[in-house]
Amino acid sequence: MIKERLSAALSPATLEIFDESHKHAGHAGARGGGHFAVVVKSAAFAGKTLIQRHRMIYEALGDAMHHEIHAMSIKALTPDEELS
């Protein structure tokens, strides 16, 4: 679902999704959805601030951010940017 929604909204050059839910098993918030990390490289992020990029991802995921996803770590880059 994450892959489908982000791909449709952002046409990413690179999309990596990591399910990190197992790292959070047992803590109070772990019951209401998964913990994920994403790396998204998309031309749609050009000229956008970090906050704008994150908002674009949240908007693409829509209601899943309130149900299926409890927490998400985001790296949002243009295709020309490298991870630091």
PDB file of N, CA and C in Angstrom:
ATOM      1  N   MET A   1       0.829  -1.185   0.000  1.00  0.00           N
ATOM      2  CA  MET A   1       0.000   0.000   0.000  1.00  0.00           C
ATOM      3  C   MET A   1       0.880   1.257   0.000  1.00  0.00           C
ATOM      4  N   ILE A   2       1.928   1.274   0.813  1.00  0.00           N
ATOM      5  CA  ILE A   2       2.816   2.427   0.868  1.00  0.00           C
ATOM      6  C   ILE A   2       3.468   2.639  -0.506  1.00  0.00           C
ATOM      7  N   LYS A   3       3.973   1.566  -1.086  1.00  0.00           N
ATOM      8  CA  LYS A   3       4.617   1.643  -2.396  1.00  0.00           C
ATOM      9  C   LYS A   3       3.648   2.161  -3.450  1.00  0.00           C
ATOM     10  N   GLU A   4       2.446   1.632  -3.465  1.00  0.00           N
ATOM     11  CA  GLU A   4       1.450   2.042  -4.462  1.00  0.00           C
ATOM     12  C   GLU A   4       1.112   3.523  -4.349  1.00  0.00           C
ATOM     13  N   ARG A   5       0.863   3.980  -3.132  1.00  0.00           N
ATOM     14  CA  ARG A   5       0.450   5.380  -2.936  1.00  0.00           C
ATOM     15  C   ARG A   5       1.574   6.364  -3.236  1.00  0.00           C
ATOM     16  N   LEU A   6       2.785   6.060  -2.761  1.00  0.00           N
ATOM     17  CA  LEU A   6       3.897   6.974  -3.014  1.00  0.00           C
ATOM     18  C   LEU A   6       4.286   6.972  -4.491  1.00  0.00           C
ATOM     19  N   SER A   7       4.235   5.826  -5.128  1.00  0.00           N
ATOM     20  CA  SER A   7       4.552   5.743  -6.556  1.00  0.00           C
ATOM     21  C   SER A   7       3.554   6.541  -7.383  1.00  0.00           C
ATOM     22  N   ALA A   8       2.286   6.406  -7.070  1.00  0.00           N
ATOM     23  CA  ALA A   8       1.244   7.115  -7.824  1.00  0.00           C
ATOM     24  C   ALA A   8       1.352   8.627  -7.649  1.00  0.00           C
ATOM     25  N   ALA A   9       1.659   9.074  -6.449  1.00  0.00           N
ATOM     26  CA  ALA A   9       1.667  10.512  -6.163  1.00  0.00           C
ATOM     27  C   ALA A   9       2.961  11.205  -6.561  1.00  0.00           C
ATOM     28  N   LEU A  10       4.096  10.496  -6.463  1.00  0.00           N
ATOM     29  CA  LEU A  10       5.387  11.163  -6.598  1.00  0.00           C
ATOM     30  C   LEU A  10       6.249  10.666  -7.752  1.00  0.00           C
ATOM     31  N   SER A  11       5.865   9.608  -8.426  1.00  0.00           N
ATOM     32  CA  SER A  11       6.664   9.023  -9.517  1.00  0.00           C
ATOM     33  C   SER A  11       8.147   8.981  -9.150  1.00  0.00           C
ATOM     34  N   PRO A  12       8.495   8.312  -8.059  1.00  0.00           N
ATOM     35  CA  PRO A  12       9.873   8.356  -7.578  1.00  0.00           C
ATOM     36  C   PRO A  12      10.863   7.634  -8.492  1.00  0.00           C
ATOM     37  N   ALA A  13      12.074   8.181  -8.570  1.00  0.00           N
ATOM     38  CA  ALA A  13      13.173   7.515  -9.260  1.00  0.00           C
ATOM     39  C   ALA A  13      13.680   6.367  -8.394  1.00  0.00           C
ATOM     40  N   THR A  14      13.600   6.563  -7.085  1.00  0.00           N
ATOM     41  CA  THR A  14      13.996   5.547  -6.110  1.00  0.00           C
ATOM     42  C   THR A  14      12.964   5.539  -4.993  1.00  0.00           C
ATOM     43  N   LEU A  15      12.570   4.344  -4.582  1.00  0.00           N
ATOM     44  CA  LEU A  15      11.649   4.202  -3.460  1.00  0.00           C
ATOM     45  C   LEU A  15      12.061   2.969  -2.672  1.00  0.00           C
ATOM     46  N   GLU A  16      12.499   3.200  -1.446  1.00  0.00           N
ATOM     47  CA  GLU A  16      12.871   2.103  -0.555  1.00  0.00           C
ATOM     48  C   GLU A  16      11.980   2.188   0.676  1.00  0.00           C
ATOM     49  N   ILE A  17      11.424   1.044   1.063  1.00  0.00           N
ATOM     50  CA  ILE A  17      10.531   0.989   2.217  1.00  0.00           C
ATOM     51  C   ILE A  17      11.046  -0.094   3.156  1.00  0.00           C
ATOM     52  N   PHE A  18      11.203   0.262   4.411  1.00  0.00           N
ATOM     53  CA  PHE A  18      11.692  -0.669   5.423  1.00  0.00           C
ATOM     54  C   PHE A  18      10.656  -0.781   6.538  1.00  0.00           C
ATOM     55  N   ASP A  19      10.228  -2.000   6.809  1.00  0.00           N
ATOM     56  CA  ASP A  19       9.298  -2.241   7.915  1.00  0.00           C
ATOM     57  C   ASP A  19      10.137  -2.449   9.171  1.00  0.00           C
ATOM     58  N   GLU A  20      10.058  -1.506  10.085  1.00  0.00           N
ATOM     59  CA  GLU A  20      10.835  -1.554  11.326  1.00  0.00           C
ATOM     60  C   GLU A  20       9.959  -1.858  12.536  1.00  0.00           C
ATOM     61  N   SER A  21       8.787  -2.403  12.281  1.00  0.00           N
ATOM     62  CA  SER A  21       7.836  -2.674  13.353  1.00  0.00           C
ATOM     63  C   SER A  21       8.419  -3.589  14.420  1.00  0.00           C
ATOM     64  N   HIS A  22       9.223  -4.552  14.006  1.00  0.00           N
ATOM     65  CA  HIS A  22       9.801  -5.503  14.960  1.00  0.00           C
ATOM     66  C   HIS A  22      10.688  -4.814  16.008  1.00  0.00           C
ATOM     67  N   LYS A  23      11.253  -3.667  15.670  1.00  0.00           N
ATOM     68  CA  LYS A  23      12.102  -2.931  16.601  1.00  0.00           C
ATOM     69  C   LYS A  23      11.296  -2.250  17.702  1.00  0.00           C
ATOM     70  N   HIS A  24       9.988  -2.149  17.500  1.00  0.00           N
ATOM     71  CA  HIS A  24       9.138  -1.411  18.426  1.00  0.00           C
ATOM     72  C   HIS A  24       8.128  -2.291  19.145  1.00  0.00           C
ATOM     73  N   ALA A  25       8.244  -3.581  18.956  1.00  0.00           N
ATOM     74  CA  ALA A  25       7.314  -4.507  19.607  1.00  0.00           C
ATOM     75  C   ALA A  25       7.365  -4.310  21.120  1.00  0.00           C
ATOM     76  N   GLY A  26       6.196  -4.227  21.710  1.00  0.00           N
ATOM     77  CA  GLY A  26       6.132  -4.127  23.162  1.00  0.00           C
ATOM     78  C   GLY A  26       5.941  -2.722  23.697  1.00  0.00           C
ATOM     79  N   HIS A  27       6.239  -1.691  22.909  1.00  0.00           N
ATOM     80  CA  HIS A  27       5.994  -0.360  23.469  1.00  0.00           C
ATOM     81  C   HIS A  27       4.527   0.012  23.256  1.00  0.00           C
ATOM     82  N   ALA A  28       4.054   0.947  24.038  1.00  0.00           N
ATOM     83  CA  ALA A  28       2.620   1.245  24.104  1.00  0.00           C
ATOM     84  C   ALA A  28       1.995   1.576  22.759  1.00  0.00           C
ATOM     85  N   GLY A  29       2.696   2.282  21.891  1.00  0.00           N
ATOM     86  CA  GLY A  29       2.121   2.679  20.616  1.00  0.00           C
ATOM     87  C   GLY A  29       2.234   1.633  19.530  1.00  0.00           C
ATOM     88  N   ALA A  30       2.900   0.540  19.793  1.00  0.00           N
ATOM     89  CA  ALA A  30       3.173  -0.461  18.762  1.00  0.00           C
ATOM     90  C   ALA A  30       1.919  -1.206  18.315  1.00  0.00           C
ATOM     91  N   ARG A  31       0.840  -1.133  19.069  1.00  0.00           N
ATOM     92  CA  ARG A  31      -0.369  -1.898  18.748  1.00  0.00           C
ATOM     93  C   ARG A  31      -1.191  -1.299  17.617  1.00  0.00           C
ATOM     94  N   GLY A  32      -1.079   0.002  17.355  1.00  0.00           N
ATOM     95  CA  GLY A  32      -1.987   0.666  16.439  1.00  0.00           C
ATOM     96  C   GLY A  32      -1.493   0.887  15.036  1.00  0.00           C
ATOM     97  N   GLY A  33      -0.496   0.188  14.570  1.00  0.00           N
ATOM     98  CA  GLY A  33       0.011   0.358  13.216  1.00  0.00           C
ATOM     99  C   GLY A  33       1.497   0.117  13.173  1.00  0.00           C
ATOM    100  N   GLY A  34       2.020   0.006  11.970  1.00  0.00           N
ATOM    101  CA  GLY A  34       3.425  -0.326  11.803  1.00  0.00           C
ATOM    102  C   GLY A  34       4.351   0.876  11.876  1.00  0.00           C
ATOM    103  N   HIS A  35       5.623   0.560  12.066  1.00  0.00           N
ATOM    104  CA  HIS A  35       6.696   1.542  12.067  1.00  0.00           C
ATOM    105  C   HIS A  35       7.498   1.325  10.788  1.00  0.00           C
ATOM    106  N   PHE A  36       7.656   2.367   9.998  1.00  0.00           N
ATOM    107  CA  PHE A  36       8.322   2.243   8.712  1.00  0.00           C
ATOM    108  C   PHE A  36       9.370   3.331   8.531  1.00  0.00           C
ATOM    109  N   ALA A  37      10.331   3.048   7.656  1.00  0.00           N
ATOM    110  CA  ALA A  37      11.302   4.040   7.203  1.00  0.00           C
ATOM    111  C   ALA A  37      11.236   4.028   5.683  1.00  0.00           C
ATOM    112  N   VAL A  38      11.247   5.222   5.075  1.00  0.00           N
ATOM    113  CA  VAL A  38      11.219   5.313   3.619  1.00  0.00           C
ATOM    114  C   VAL A  38      12.325   6.238   3.125  1.00  0.00           C
ATOM    115  N   VAL A  39      12.857   5.879   1.978  1.00  0.00           N
ATOM    116  CA  VAL A  39      13.773   6.735   1.236  1.00  0.00           C
ATOM    117  C   VAL A  39      13.100   6.961  -0.108  1.00  0.00           C
ATOM    118  N   VAL A  40      12.787   8.223  -0.395  1.00  0.00           N
ATOM    119  CA  VAL A  40      12.080   8.570  -1.619  1.00  0.00           C
ATOM    120  C   VAL A  40      12.905   9.612  -2.372  1.00  0.00           C
ATOM    121  N   LYS A  41      13.285   9.279  -3.606  1.00  0.00           N
ATOM    122  CA  LYS A  41      13.942  10.245  -4.484  1.00  0.00           C
ATOM    123  C   LYS A  41      12.973  10.553  -5.606  1.00  0.00           C
ATOM    124  N   SER A  42      12.574  11.826  -5.691  1.00  0.00           N
ATOM    125  CA  SER A  42      11.585  12.219  -6.678  1.00  0.00           C
ATOM    126  C   SER A  42      11.866  13.634  -7.189  1.00  0.00           C
ATOM    127  N   ALA A  43      11.700  13.828  -8.481  1.00  0.00           N
ATOM    128  CA  ALA A  43      11.829  15.154  -9.066  1.00  0.00           C
ATOM    129  C   ALA A  43      10.752  16.094  -8.527  1.00  0.00           C
ATOM    130  N   ALA A  44       9.662  15.525  -8.018  1.00  0.00           N
ATOM    131  CA  ALA A  44       8.577  16.343  -7.452  1.00  0.00           C
ATOM    132  C   ALA A  44       9.039  17.154  -6.243  1.00  0.00           C
ATOM    133  N   PHE A  45      10.154  16.762  -5.629  1.00  0.00           N
ATOM    134  CA  PHE A  45      10.671  17.468  -4.460  1.00  0.00           C
ATOM    135  C   PHE A  45      11.533  18.685  -4.815  1.00  0.00           C
ATOM    136  N   ALA A  46      11.844  18.875  -6.086  1.00  0.00           N
ATOM    137  CA  ALA A  46      12.702  19.993  -6.496  1.00  0.00           C
ATOM    138  C   ALA A  46      12.097  21.322  -6.057  1.00  0.00           C
ATOM    139  N   GLY A  47      12.922  22.149  -5.420  1.00  0.00           N
ATOM    140  CA  GLY A  47      12.484  23.461  -4.970  1.00  0.00           C
ATOM    141  C   GLY A  47      11.630  23.450  -3.718  1.00  0.00           C
ATOM    142  N   LYS A  48      11.429  22.290  -3.113  1.00  0.00           N
ATOM    143  CA  LYS A  48      10.597  22.163  -1.910  1.00  0.00           C
ATOM    144  C   LYS A  48      11.481  22.101  -0.664  1.00  0.00           C
ATOM    145  N   THR A  49      10.972  22.652   0.430  1.00  0.00           N
ATOM    146  CA  THR A  49      11.668  22.545   1.713  1.00  0.00           C
ATOM    147  C   THR A  49      11.474  21.137   2.265  1.00  0.00           C
ATOM    148  N   LEU A  50      12.221  20.817   3.282  1.00  0.00           N
ATOM    149  CA  LEU A  50      12.100  19.510   3.925  1.00  0.00           C
ATOM    150  C   LEU A  50      10.675  19.281   4.441  1.00  0.00           C
ATOM    151  N   ILE A  51      10.114  20.297   5.067  1.00  0.00           N
ATOM    152  CA  ILE A  51       8.749  20.173   5.598  1.00  0.00           C
ATOM    153  C   ILE A  51       7.747  19.975   4.467  1.00  0.00           C
ATOM    154  N   GLN A  52       7.893  20.692   3.376  1.00  0.00           N
ATOM    155  CA  GLN A  52       6.992  20.517   2.242  1.00  0.00           C
ATOM    156  C   GLN A  52       7.094  19.100   1.668  1.00  0.00           C
ATOM    157  N   ARG A  53       8.295  18.571   1.598  1.00  0.00           N
ATOM    158  CA  ARG A  53       8.502  17.217   1.094  1.00  0.00           C
ATOM    159  C   ARG A  53       7.803  16.190   1.989  1.00  0.00           C
ATOM    160  N   HIS A  54       7.962  16.353   3.293  1.00  0.00           N
ATOM    161  CA  HIS A  54       7.311  15.437   4.235  1.00  0.00           C
ATOM    162  C   HIS A  54       5.787  15.531   4.114  1.00  0.00           C
ATOM    163  N   ARG A  55       5.292  16.736   3.979  1.00  0.00           N
ATOM    164  CA  ARG A  55       3.842  16.913   3.815  1.00  0.00           C
ATOM    165  C   ARG A  55       3.333  16.234   2.552  1.00  0.00           C
ATOM    166  N   MET A  56       4.121  16.277   1.492  1.00  0.00           N
ATOM    167  CA  MET A  56       3.732  15.602   0.248  1.00  0.00           C
ATOM    168  C   MET A  56       3.609  14.095   0.468  1.00  0.00           C
ATOM    169  N   ILE A  57       4.518  13.549   1.252  1.00  0.00           N
ATOM    170  CA  ILE A  57       4.476  12.117   1.549  1.00  0.00           C
ATOM    171  C   ILE A  57       3.271  11.797   2.423  1.00  0.00           C
ATOM    172  N   TYR A  58       3.056  12.589   3.472  1.00  0.00           N
ATOM    173  CA  TYR A  58       1.891  12.363   4.336  1.00  0.00           C
ATOM    174  C   TYR A  58       0.593  12.460   3.548  1.00  0.00           C
ATOM    175  N   GLU A  59       0.518  13.439   2.655  1.00  0.00           N
ATOM    176  CA  GLU A  59      -0.682  13.612   1.841  1.00  0.00           C
ATOM    177  C   GLU A  59      -0.896  12.404   0.929  1.00  0.00           C
ATOM    178  N   ALA A  60       0.175  11.891   0.349  1.00  0.00           N
ATOM    179  CA  ALA A  60       0.066  10.718  -0.523  1.00  0.00           C
ATOM    180  C   ALA A  60      -0.416   9.492   0.251  1.00  0.00           C
ATOM    181  N   LEU A  61       0.005   9.378   1.506  1.00  0.00           N
ATOM    182  CA  LEU A  61      -0.379   8.215   2.316  1.00  0.00           C
ATOM    183  C   LEU A  61      -1.772   8.371   2.912  1.00  0.00           C
ATOM    184  N   GLY A  62      -2.252   9.599   3.001  1.00  0.00           N
ATOM    185  CA  GLY A  62      -3.622   9.859   3.436  1.00  0.00           C
ATOM    186  C   GLY A  62      -3.984   9.228   4.762  1.00  0.00           C
ATOM    187  N   ASP A  63      -5.142   8.591   4.801  1.00  0.00           N
ATOM    188  CA  ASP A  63      -5.671   8.030   6.044  1.00  0.00           C
ATOM    189  C   ASP A  63      -4.838   6.892   6.611  1.00  0.00           C
ATOM    190  N   ALA A  64      -3.940   6.321   5.827  1.00  0.00           N
ATOM    191  CA  ALA A  64      -3.073   5.255   6.338  1.00  0.00           C
ATOM    192  C   ALA A  64      -2.196   5.761   7.481  1.00  0.00           C
ATOM    193  N   MET A  65      -1.911   7.073   7.486  1.00  0.00           N
ATOM    194  CA  MET A  65      -1.092   7.644   8.566  1.00  0.00           C
ATOM    195  C   MET A  65      -1.824   7.622   9.902  1.00  0.00           C
ATOM    196  N   HIS A  66      -3.115   7.370   9.882  1.00  0.00           N
ATOM    197  CA  HIS A  66      -3.896   7.312  11.125  1.00  0.00           C
ATOM    198  C   HIS A  66      -4.271   5.890  11.511  1.00  0.00           C
ATOM    199  N   HIS A  67      -4.004   4.940  10.627  1.00  0.00           N
ATOM    200  CA  HIS A  67      -4.441   3.573  10.883  1.00  0.00           C
ATOM    201  C   HIS A  67      -3.305   2.563  10.707  1.00  0.00           C
ATOM    202  N   GLU A  68      -2.916   2.293   9.476  1.00  0.00           N
ATOM    203  CA  GLU A  68      -1.915   1.267   9.199  1.00  0.00           C
ATOM    204  C   GLU A  68      -0.504   1.675   9.595  1.00  0.00           C
ATOM    205  N   ILE A  69      -0.244   2.977   9.645  1.00  0.00           N
ATOM    206  CA  ILE A  69       1.099   3.482   9.947  1.00  0.00           C
ATOM    207  C   ILE A  69       1.068   4.235  11.267  1.00  0.00           C
ATOM    208  N   HIS A  70       1.873   3.772  12.212  1.00  0.00           N
ATOM    209  CA  HIS A  70       1.968   4.451  13.506  1.00  0.00           C
ATOM    210  C   HIS A  70       3.088   5.491  13.472  1.00  0.00           C
ATOM    211  N   ALA A  71       4.210   5.143  12.814  1.00  0.00           N
ATOM    212  CA  ALA A  71       5.359   6.047  12.760  1.00  0.00           C
ATOM    213  C   ALA A  71       6.114   5.821  11.460  1.00  0.00           C
ATOM    214  N   MET A  72       6.721   6.904  10.966  1.00  0.00           N
ATOM    215  CA  MET A  72       7.480   6.795   9.727  1.00  0.00           C
ATOM    216  C   MET A  72       8.686   7.717   9.774  1.00  0.00           C
ATOM    217  N   SER A  73       9.842   7.158   9.475  1.00  0.00           N
ATOM    218  CA  SER A  73      11.069   7.923   9.301  1.00  0.00           C
ATOM    219  C   SER A  73      11.195   8.198   7.805  1.00  0.00           C
ATOM    220  N   ILE A  74      11.448   9.451   7.442  1.00  0.00           N
ATOM    221  CA  ILE A  74      11.433   9.838   6.026  1.00  0.00           C
ATOM    222  C   ILE A  74      12.754  10.470   5.602  1.00  0.00           C
ATOM    223  N   LYS A  75      13.272  10.003   4.478  1.00  0.00           N
ATOM    224  CA  LYS A  75      14.360  10.659   3.763  1.00  0.00           C
ATOM    225  C   LYS A  75      13.767  11.015   2.409  1.00  0.00           C
ATOM    226  N   ALA A  76      13.558  12.294   2.142  1.00  0.00           N
ATOM    227  CA  ALA A  76      12.926  12.757   0.910  1.00  0.00           C
ATOM    228  C   ALA A  76      13.926  13.618   0.138  1.00  0.00           C
ATOM    229  N   LEU A  77      14.348  13.125  -1.013  1.00  0.00           N
ATOM    230  CA  LEU A  77      15.403  13.759  -1.787  1.00  0.00           C
ATOM    231  C   LEU A  77      15.009  13.911  -3.251  1.00  0.00           C
ATOM    232  N   THR A  78      15.668  14.843  -3.942  1.00  0.00           N
ATOM    233  CA  THR A  78      15.545  14.892  -5.383  1.00  0.00           C
ATOM    234  C   THR A  78      16.496  13.830  -5.938  1.00  0.00           C
ATOM    235  N   PRO A  79      16.344  13.437  -7.202  1.00  0.00           N
ATOM    236  CA  PRO A  79      17.243  12.426  -7.773  1.00  0.00           C
ATOM    237  C   PRO A  79      18.715  12.831  -7.736  1.00  0.00           C
ATOM    238  N   ASP A  80      19.002  14.126  -7.706  1.00  0.00           N
ATOM    239  CA  ASP A  80      20.393  14.608  -7.687  1.00  0.00           C
ATOM    240  C   ASP A  80      20.998  14.658  -6.292  1.00  0.00           C
ATOM    241  N   GLU A  81      20.188  14.553  -5.261  1.00  0.00           N
ATOM    242  CA  GLU A  81      20.682  14.646  -3.890  1.00  0.00           C
ATOM    243  C   GLU A  81      21.114  13.265  -3.381  1.00  0.00           C
ATOM    244  N   GLU A  82      22.079  13.288  -2.490  1.00  0.00           N
ATOM    245  CA  GLU A  82      22.572  12.056  -1.873  1.00  0.00           C
ATOM    246  C   GLU A  82      22.214  12.026  -0.393  1.00  0.00           C
ATOM    247  N   LEU A  83      22.058  10.831   0.143  1.00  0.00           N
ATOM    248  CA  LEU A  83      21.820  10.676   1.583  1.00  0.00           C
ATOM    249  C   LEU A  83      23.022  11.171   2.358  1.00  0.00           C
ATOM    250  N   SER A  84      22.774  11.810   3.455  1.00  0.00           N
ATOM    251  CA  SER A  84      23.895  12.261   4.291  1.00  0.00           C
ATOM    252  C   SER A  84      24.020  11.387   5.508  1.00  0.00           C
TER     253      SER A  84
END
